[in-house]
Structures are given as C-alpha cells and as structure tokens.
N, C-alpha and C. Protein backbone atom coordinates (compact mmCIF):
# COMPACT_ATOMS: atom_id res chain seq x y z
N MET A 1 -107.84 11.58 -31.06
CA MET A 1 -107.06 11.07 -30.12
C MET A 1 -107.67 11.01 -28.52
N PRO A 2 -107.82 10.23 -27.92
CA PRO A 2 -108.38 10.05 -26.67
C PRO A 2 -107.64 10.87 -25.58
N PRO A 3 -108.09 11.48 -24.58
CA PRO A 3 -107.56 12.14 -23.63
C PRO A 3 -106.44 11.60 -22.75
N ILE A 4 -105.64 12.17 -22.34
CA ILE A 4 -104.59 11.50 -21.79
C ILE A 4 -104.99 10.73 -20.44
N ASP A 5 -106.16 11.32 -19.62
CA ASP A 5 -106.66 10.69 -18.37
C ASP A 5 -107.66 9.66 -18.70
N ALA A 6 -107.83 9.10 -20.05
CA ALA A 6 -108.95 8.01 -20.59
C ALA A 6 -108.26 6.66 -19.75
N PRO A 7 -109.55 6.19 -19.65
CA PRO A 7 -108.88 4.61 -19.00
C PRO A 7 -107.97 3.81 -19.82
N PRO A 8 -107.12 3.03 -19.41
CA PRO A 8 -106.18 2.34 -20.14
C PRO A 8 -106.81 1.63 -21.32
N GLY A 9 -107.86 1.44 -21.58
CA GLY A 9 -108.15 0.51 -22.62
C GLY A 9 -108.43 1.29 -23.81
N GLU A 10 -108.84 2.68 -23.47
CA GLU A 10 -109.13 3.66 -24.41
C GLU A 10 -107.83 4.49 -25.08
N ARG A 11 -106.92 4.30 -24.44
CA ARG A 11 -105.44 4.91 -24.79
C ARG A 11 -105.04 4.06 -25.89
N GLY A 12 -105.33 2.92 -26.24
CA GLY A 12 -104.46 1.92 -27.26
C GLY A 12 -104.04 1.13 -26.55
N PRO A 13 -103.37 -0.01 -26.96
CA PRO A 13 -102.90 -1.16 -26.47
C PRO A 13 -101.40 -0.86 -25.83
N LYS A 14 -101.16 -1.37 -24.70
CA LYS A 14 -99.63 -0.99 -24.05
C LYS A 14 -99.13 -2.37 -24.53
N PRO A 15 -97.74 -2.32 -24.42
CA PRO A 15 -96.95 -3.82 -24.66
C PRO A 15 -97.29 -4.87 -23.61
N PHE A 16 -97.52 -4.61 -22.58
CA PHE A 16 -97.67 -5.54 -21.44
C PHE A 16 -99.07 -5.80 -21.33
N LYS A 17 -100.05 -4.78 -21.75
CA LYS A 17 -101.56 -5.25 -21.91
C LYS A 17 -101.86 -6.03 -22.68
N ALA A 18 -101.18 -6.18 -23.97
CA ALA A 18 -101.43 -6.69 -25.22
C ALA A 18 -100.02 -7.69 -25.73
N PRO A 19 -99.90 -8.60 -24.99
CA PRO A 19 -98.44 -9.37 -25.04
C PRO A 19 -98.32 -10.04 -26.32
N HIS A 20 -99.43 -10.19 -26.88
CA HIS A 20 -99.36 -10.86 -28.27
C HIS A 20 -98.55 -9.95 -29.51
N LEU A 21 -99.01 -8.64 -29.40
CA LEU A 21 -98.39 -7.67 -30.14
C LEU A 21 -96.91 -7.52 -29.84
N PHE A 22 -96.53 -7.47 -28.62
CA PHE A 22 -95.22 -7.57 -28.26
C PHE A 22 -94.28 -8.29 -28.71
N LEU A 23 -94.79 -9.72 -28.36
CA LEU A 23 -94.18 -10.88 -28.94
C LEU A 23 -93.92 -10.86 -30.33
N ARG A 24 -95.17 -10.51 -31.12
CA ARG A 24 -95.03 -10.50 -32.68
C ARG A 24 -93.91 -9.52 -32.77
N ARG A 25 -93.84 -8.37 -32.42
CA ARG A 25 -92.77 -7.53 -32.69
C ARG A 25 -91.39 -7.92 -32.30
N LEU A 26 -91.34 -8.53 -31.30
CA LEU A 26 -89.87 -9.16 -30.64
C LEU A 26 -89.49 -10.41 -31.68
N THR A 27 -90.34 -11.13 -32.21
CA THR A 27 -90.21 -12.16 -33.18
C THR A 27 -89.64 -11.45 -34.48
N TYR A 28 -90.37 -10.63 -34.91
CA TYR A 28 -89.97 -9.79 -36.04
C TYR A 28 -88.59 -9.42 -35.97
N ILE A 29 -88.01 -8.70 -34.70
CA ILE A 29 -86.82 -8.06 -34.43
C ILE A 29 -85.65 -9.14 -34.55
N ALA A 30 -86.17 -10.26 -33.88
CA ALA A 30 -85.22 -11.23 -33.59
C ALA A 30 -84.88 -12.08 -34.94
N ALA A 31 -85.83 -12.17 -35.79
CA ALA A 31 -85.58 -12.93 -36.98
C ALA A 31 -84.91 -12.00 -37.99
N GLY A 32 -85.19 -10.63 -38.06
CA GLY A 32 -84.24 -9.71 -38.74
C GLY A 32 -83.01 -9.77 -38.52
N SER A 33 -82.93 -9.76 -36.82
CA SER A 33 -81.19 -9.77 -36.37
C SER A 33 -80.50 -11.00 -36.76
N ALA A 34 -81.14 -12.13 -36.81
CA ALA A 34 -80.50 -13.28 -37.22
C ALA A 34 -80.37 -13.43 -38.64
N ALA A 35 -81.23 -12.87 -39.45
CA ALA A 35 -80.83 -12.81 -40.84
C ALA A 35 -79.70 -11.79 -41.07
N SER A 36 -79.62 -10.79 -40.77
CA SER A 36 -78.61 -9.67 -40.90
C SER A 36 -77.26 -10.57 -40.34
N ILE A 37 -77.29 -11.20 -39.18
CA ILE A 37 -76.01 -12.06 -38.77
C ILE A 37 -75.58 -12.99 -39.81
N LEU A 38 -76.44 -13.84 -40.18
CA LEU A 38 -75.96 -14.84 -41.22
C LEU A 38 -75.80 -14.32 -42.72
N LEU A 39 -76.06 -13.02 -42.92
CA LEU A 39 -75.60 -12.39 -44.17
C LEU A 39 -74.43 -12.11 -43.83
N PHE A 40 -74.17 -11.19 -43.03
CA PHE A 40 -72.84 -10.63 -42.73
C PHE A 40 -71.61 -11.80 -42.58
N THR A 41 -72.13 -12.70 -41.62
CA THR A 41 -71.05 -13.90 -41.74
C THR A 41 -70.65 -14.66 -42.96
N GLY A 42 -71.86 -14.75 -43.77
CA GLY A 42 -71.69 -15.38 -44.91
C GLY A 42 -70.81 -14.87 -45.89
N PHE A 43 -70.99 -13.39 -45.88
CA PHE A 43 -70.17 -12.56 -46.85
C PHE A 43 -68.77 -12.49 -46.42
N GLY A 44 -68.48 -12.48 -44.89
CA GLY A 44 -67.16 -12.47 -44.46
C GLY A 44 -66.32 -13.56 -44.88
N PHE A 45 -67.15 -14.80 -44.67
CA PHE A 45 -66.64 -16.27 -44.95
C PHE A 45 -66.21 -16.12 -46.20
N TRP A 46 -67.15 -15.85 -47.38
CA TRP A 46 -66.93 -15.86 -48.71
C TRP A 46 -65.67 -14.87 -49.06
N THR A 47 -65.25 -13.86 -48.54
CA THR A 47 -64.41 -12.97 -48.78
C THR A 47 -63.11 -13.63 -48.50
N VAL A 48 -62.95 -14.26 -47.08
CA VAL A 48 -61.90 -14.60 -46.69
C VAL A 48 -61.49 -15.94 -47.53
N VAL A 49 -62.31 -16.57 -47.83
CA VAL A 49 -62.15 -17.87 -48.36
C VAL A 49 -61.55 -17.68 -50.17
N SER A 50 -62.36 -16.65 -50.59
CA SER A 50 -61.79 -16.35 -51.86
C SER A 50 -60.43 -15.76 -51.98
N HIS A 51 -60.35 -14.88 -51.01
CA HIS A 51 -59.00 -14.40 -50.88
C HIS A 51 -57.85 -15.24 -50.74
N TYR A 52 -58.37 -16.22 -50.03
CA TYR A 52 -57.09 -17.44 -49.83
C TYR A 52 -57.02 -18.06 -51.16
N VAL A 53 -57.99 -18.63 -51.78
CA VAL A 53 -57.76 -19.50 -53.00
C VAL A 53 -57.05 -18.47 -54.18
N ILE A 54 -57.32 -17.37 -53.89
CA ILE A 54 -56.50 -16.56 -54.90
C ILE A 54 -55.02 -16.55 -54.98
N ARG A 55 -54.80 -16.28 -53.34
CA ARG A 55 -53.40 -16.39 -52.89
C ARG A 55 -52.68 -17.85 -53.23
N PHE A 56 -53.43 -18.68 -52.93
CA PHE A 56 -52.80 -20.13 -52.99
C PHE A 56 -52.69 -20.39 -54.53
N ALA A 57 -53.58 -19.98 -55.42
CA ALA A 57 -53.24 -20.22 -56.94
C ALA A 57 -52.21 -19.47 -57.49
N GLU A 58 -51.98 -18.20 -57.07
CA GLU A 58 -50.89 -17.39 -57.40
C GLU A 58 -49.53 -18.13 -56.91
N LYS A 59 -49.43 -18.32 -55.57
CA LYS A 59 -48.26 -19.06 -55.28
C LYS A 59 -48.07 -20.33 -56.07
N SER A 60 -48.93 -21.07 -56.18
CA SER A 60 -48.82 -22.29 -56.81
C SER A 60 -48.29 -22.27 -58.49
N SER A 61 -48.89 -21.18 -59.06
CA SER A 61 -48.63 -20.87 -60.24
C SER A 61 -46.96 -20.36 -60.61
N VAL A 62 -46.83 -19.60 -59.50
CA VAL A 62 -45.41 -19.14 -59.61
C VAL A 62 -44.46 -19.99 -59.32
N ASN A 63 -44.80 -21.14 -58.31
CA ASN A 63 -43.88 -22.40 -57.99
C ASN A 63 -43.81 -23.31 -59.11
N VAL A 64 -44.97 -23.56 -59.83
CA VAL A 64 -44.86 -24.17 -61.11
C VAL A 64 -44.14 -23.61 -62.27
N SER A 65 -44.25 -22.60 -62.26
CA SER A 65 -43.42 -21.75 -63.20
C SER A 65 -42.12 -21.61 -63.26
N ALA A 66 -41.61 -21.65 -61.93
CA ALA A 66 -40.18 -21.61 -61.41
C ALA A 66 -39.64 -23.08 -61.78
N VAL A 67 -40.51 -23.80 -61.39
CA VAL A 67 -39.73 -25.51 -61.64
C VAL A 67 -39.84 -25.70 -63.45
N LEU A 68 -40.90 -25.38 -63.96
CA LEU A 68 -40.96 -25.37 -65.57
C LEU A 68 -39.80 -24.91 -66.07
N LEU A 69 -39.36 -23.68 -65.72
CA LEU A 69 -38.24 -22.87 -66.33
C LEU A 69 -37.14 -23.23 -65.89
N SER A 70 -36.82 -23.91 -64.77
CA SER A 70 -35.36 -24.63 -64.45
C SER A 70 -35.28 -25.87 -64.97
N SER A 71 -36.46 -26.60 -65.17
CA SER A 71 -36.22 -27.97 -66.05
C SER A 71 -36.05 -27.62 -67.44
N GLU A 72 -36.59 -26.64 -68.03
CA GLU A 72 -36.78 -26.34 -69.50
C GLU A 72 -36.04 -25.27 -69.85
N ARG A 73 -34.97 -24.84 -69.02
CA ARG A 73 -34.21 -23.81 -69.46
C ARG A 73 -33.45 -23.68 -70.60
N ASP A 74 -32.99 -24.56 -71.43
CA ASP A 74 -32.54 -24.65 -72.78
C ASP A 74 -33.57 -24.27 -73.91
N SER A 75 -34.94 -24.94 -73.38
CA SER A 75 -35.88 -24.60 -74.36
C SER A 75 -36.50 -23.27 -74.47
N PHE A 76 -36.79 -22.69 -73.28
CA PHE A 76 -37.01 -21.47 -73.01
C PHE A 76 -36.04 -20.15 -73.05
N LEU A 77 -34.81 -20.47 -72.62
CA LEU A 77 -34.15 -19.37 -72.67
C LEU A 77 -32.65 -19.57 -73.65
N THR A 78 -32.20 -18.58 -74.15
CA THR A 78 -30.89 -18.36 -74.83
C THR A 78 -29.96 -17.46 -74.40
N ASP A 79 -28.58 -17.59 -74.57
CA ASP A 79 -27.67 -16.70 -73.89
C ASP A 79 -27.52 -15.57 -74.78
N THR A 80 -27.30 -14.42 -74.48
CA THR A 80 -27.04 -13.14 -75.33
C THR A 80 -25.44 -13.29 -75.60
N SER A 81 -24.80 -12.22 -76.32
CA SER A 81 -23.51 -11.94 -76.32
C SER A 81 -22.73 -11.59 -75.25
N GLU A 82 -23.81 -10.79 -74.39
CA GLU A 82 -23.07 -10.38 -73.16
C GLU A 82 -23.39 -11.46 -71.96
N GLY A 83 -23.80 -12.82 -72.30
CA GLY A 83 -24.06 -13.76 -71.29
C GLY A 83 -25.12 -13.72 -70.50
N LYS A 84 -25.90 -12.88 -70.80
CA LYS A 84 -27.39 -12.59 -70.12
C LYS A 84 -28.40 -13.81 -70.69
N PRO A 85 -29.34 -14.35 -69.83
CA PRO A 85 -30.12 -15.30 -70.61
C PRO A 85 -31.24 -14.22 -71.22
N LYS A 86 -31.80 -14.60 -72.29
CA LYS A 86 -33.01 -13.97 -73.05
C LYS A 86 -34.07 -15.12 -73.35
N VAL A 87 -35.23 -14.57 -73.01
CA VAL A 87 -36.32 -15.64 -73.49
C VAL A 87 -36.55 -15.65 -75.00
N VAL A 88 -36.26 -17.00 -75.41
CA VAL A 88 -36.57 -17.35 -77.00
C VAL A 88 -38.05 -16.80 -77.36
N GLU A 89 -37.96 -16.09 -78.59
CA GLU A 89 -39.27 -15.75 -79.25
C GLU A 89 -40.10 -16.96 -79.71
N GLN A 90 -39.57 -17.77 -80.15
CA GLN A 90 -40.41 -19.18 -80.43
C GLN A 90 -39.42 -20.27 -80.30
N ILE A 91 -40.07 -21.22 -79.79
CA ILE A 91 -39.39 -22.59 -79.61
C ILE A 91 -39.41 -23.29 -80.97
N PRO A 92 -38.18 -23.91 -81.43
CA PRO A 92 -38.19 -24.46 -82.74
C PRO A 92 -39.08 -25.69 -82.81
N THR A 93 -39.62 -25.62 -84.20
CA THR A 93 -40.82 -26.76 -84.21
C THR A 93 -40.24 -28.30 -84.12
N GLY A 94 -39.17 -28.55 -84.12
CA GLY A 94 -38.41 -29.66 -84.19
C GLY A 94 -38.35 -29.96 -82.49
N ARG A 95 -38.22 -29.16 -81.75
CA ARG A 95 -38.08 -29.21 -80.18
C ARG A 95 -39.27 -29.35 -79.60
N MET A 96 -40.28 -28.86 -80.12
CA MET A 96 -41.80 -28.58 -79.47
C MET A 96 -42.28 -29.65 -79.05
N GLY A 97 -42.31 -30.81 -79.80
CA GLY A 97 -42.87 -32.30 -79.29
C GLY A 97 -42.12 -32.78 -78.07
N GLY A 98 -41.13 -32.29 -77.89
CA GLY A 98 -40.10 -32.98 -77.02
C GLY A 98 -40.47 -32.17 -75.73
N VAL A 99 -40.73 -30.99 -75.66
CA VAL A 99 -40.91 -29.95 -74.42
C VAL A 99 -42.55 -30.18 -74.04
N ASP A 100 -43.31 -30.43 -75.04
CA ASP A 100 -44.56 -30.67 -74.80
C ASP A 100 -44.90 -31.98 -73.97
N GLU A 101 -44.15 -32.95 -74.46
CA GLU A 101 -44.07 -34.36 -73.62
C GLU A 101 -43.61 -34.02 -72.21
N ARG A 102 -42.56 -33.55 -72.44
CA ARG A 102 -41.76 -33.34 -70.82
C ARG A 102 -42.67 -32.57 -69.79
N ILE A 103 -43.49 -31.54 -70.49
CA ILE A 103 -44.34 -30.63 -69.55
C ILE A 103 -45.43 -31.46 -69.07
N ARG A 104 -46.18 -32.27 -70.00
CA ARG A 104 -47.20 -33.11 -69.72
C ARG A 104 -47.00 -34.19 -68.60
N LYS A 105 -45.88 -34.61 -68.76
CA LYS A 105 -45.18 -35.87 -67.90
C LYS A 105 -45.15 -35.01 -66.42
N PHE A 106 -44.57 -33.98 -66.36
CA PHE A 106 -44.45 -33.18 -65.16
C PHE A 106 -45.74 -32.67 -64.54
N LEU A 107 -46.58 -32.28 -65.28
CA LEU A 107 -47.86 -32.13 -64.71
C LEU A 107 -48.98 -33.21 -64.66
N LYS A 108 -48.57 -34.26 -64.90
CA LYS A 108 -49.54 -35.44 -65.01
C LYS A 108 -50.12 -35.53 -63.71
N HIS A 109 -49.73 -35.58 -62.66
CA HIS A 109 -50.11 -35.72 -61.33
C HIS A 109 -50.79 -34.33 -60.49
N SER A 110 -50.71 -33.22 -61.21
CA SER A 110 -51.08 -31.96 -60.69
C SER A 110 -52.67 -31.82 -61.19
N ARG A 111 -53.43 -31.20 -60.53
CA ARG A 111 -54.66 -30.77 -60.76
C ARG A 111 -54.92 -29.61 -61.65
N LEU A 112 -53.81 -29.13 -62.28
CA LEU A 112 -53.89 -28.29 -63.10
C LEU A 112 -54.68 -28.64 -64.61
N LEU A 113 -55.49 -27.70 -65.13
CA LEU A 113 -56.31 -28.00 -66.27
C LEU A 113 -55.89 -27.54 -67.38
N GLN A 114 -55.11 -26.48 -67.46
CA GLN A 114 -54.16 -26.01 -68.72
C GLN A 114 -53.02 -25.39 -68.33
N VAL A 115 -52.02 -25.38 -69.09
CA VAL A 115 -50.75 -24.62 -68.92
C VAL A 115 -50.62 -24.04 -70.14
N THR A 116 -50.52 -22.29 -70.05
CA THR A 116 -50.17 -21.75 -71.54
C THR A 116 -48.82 -21.21 -71.34
N VAL A 117 -48.08 -21.49 -72.12
CA VAL A 117 -46.64 -20.90 -72.21
C VAL A 117 -46.31 -19.66 -73.17
C-alpha cells in the first residue's frame, strides 16, 4: 500500500478524480434501485388485485347461491315435521331436467363457467 503522504495519483483513484468510475457506480445503484422499486410495486399491485378478485368472486357466488335457492326452494328444500326447512338429499330424477333447464336459463347471461349443486 502506498504511503498516506504519496501524491494523489499513487493513492488510487478518487471518485471525483476518476468520474467515469463514479458515474458507473452511480448508474449501477440507480438501476438496482429502479429494479427494486418496480419489483415491490408489481408485487403489491398483484397482491391487491388478487385479493379483490377473490373477494368479488366470493360475494358473487354467495349472491348467485341465494337467488338460486330462493327461486328453486321447492327443489332444494323440504319441510320437516317441526316445520323447519331441510336440504333434500337428492333431487328426484323426474324433476332434475326442469331444475337444470331453469338454472341454465337463469345463468345464461352470466359469465359463470360451471355451477355445481
């Protein structure tokens, strides 16, 4: 290592004596910072949008289920001896075609791909 009292050229490059080295380092730092900002922003945006889509799908499915249940109450529910509604174990085969047709008409204009009862 050169002595401390050596002339500036012998002590190694200083940032402002060799601006090309300083600017190169500054460019690397700026590029790394920009990449980090874009990465964290993209991850945050993806997280917010995915949570919104999940909440929207859950709310829509609950609404569709409530409307289907109210419109097809006789097919899906039966009254017990105490007068409380009970979910039927199986829809009778003779009524299944009509239920399926009414559900398809109801969901015709929605963007649902599949309904499982």
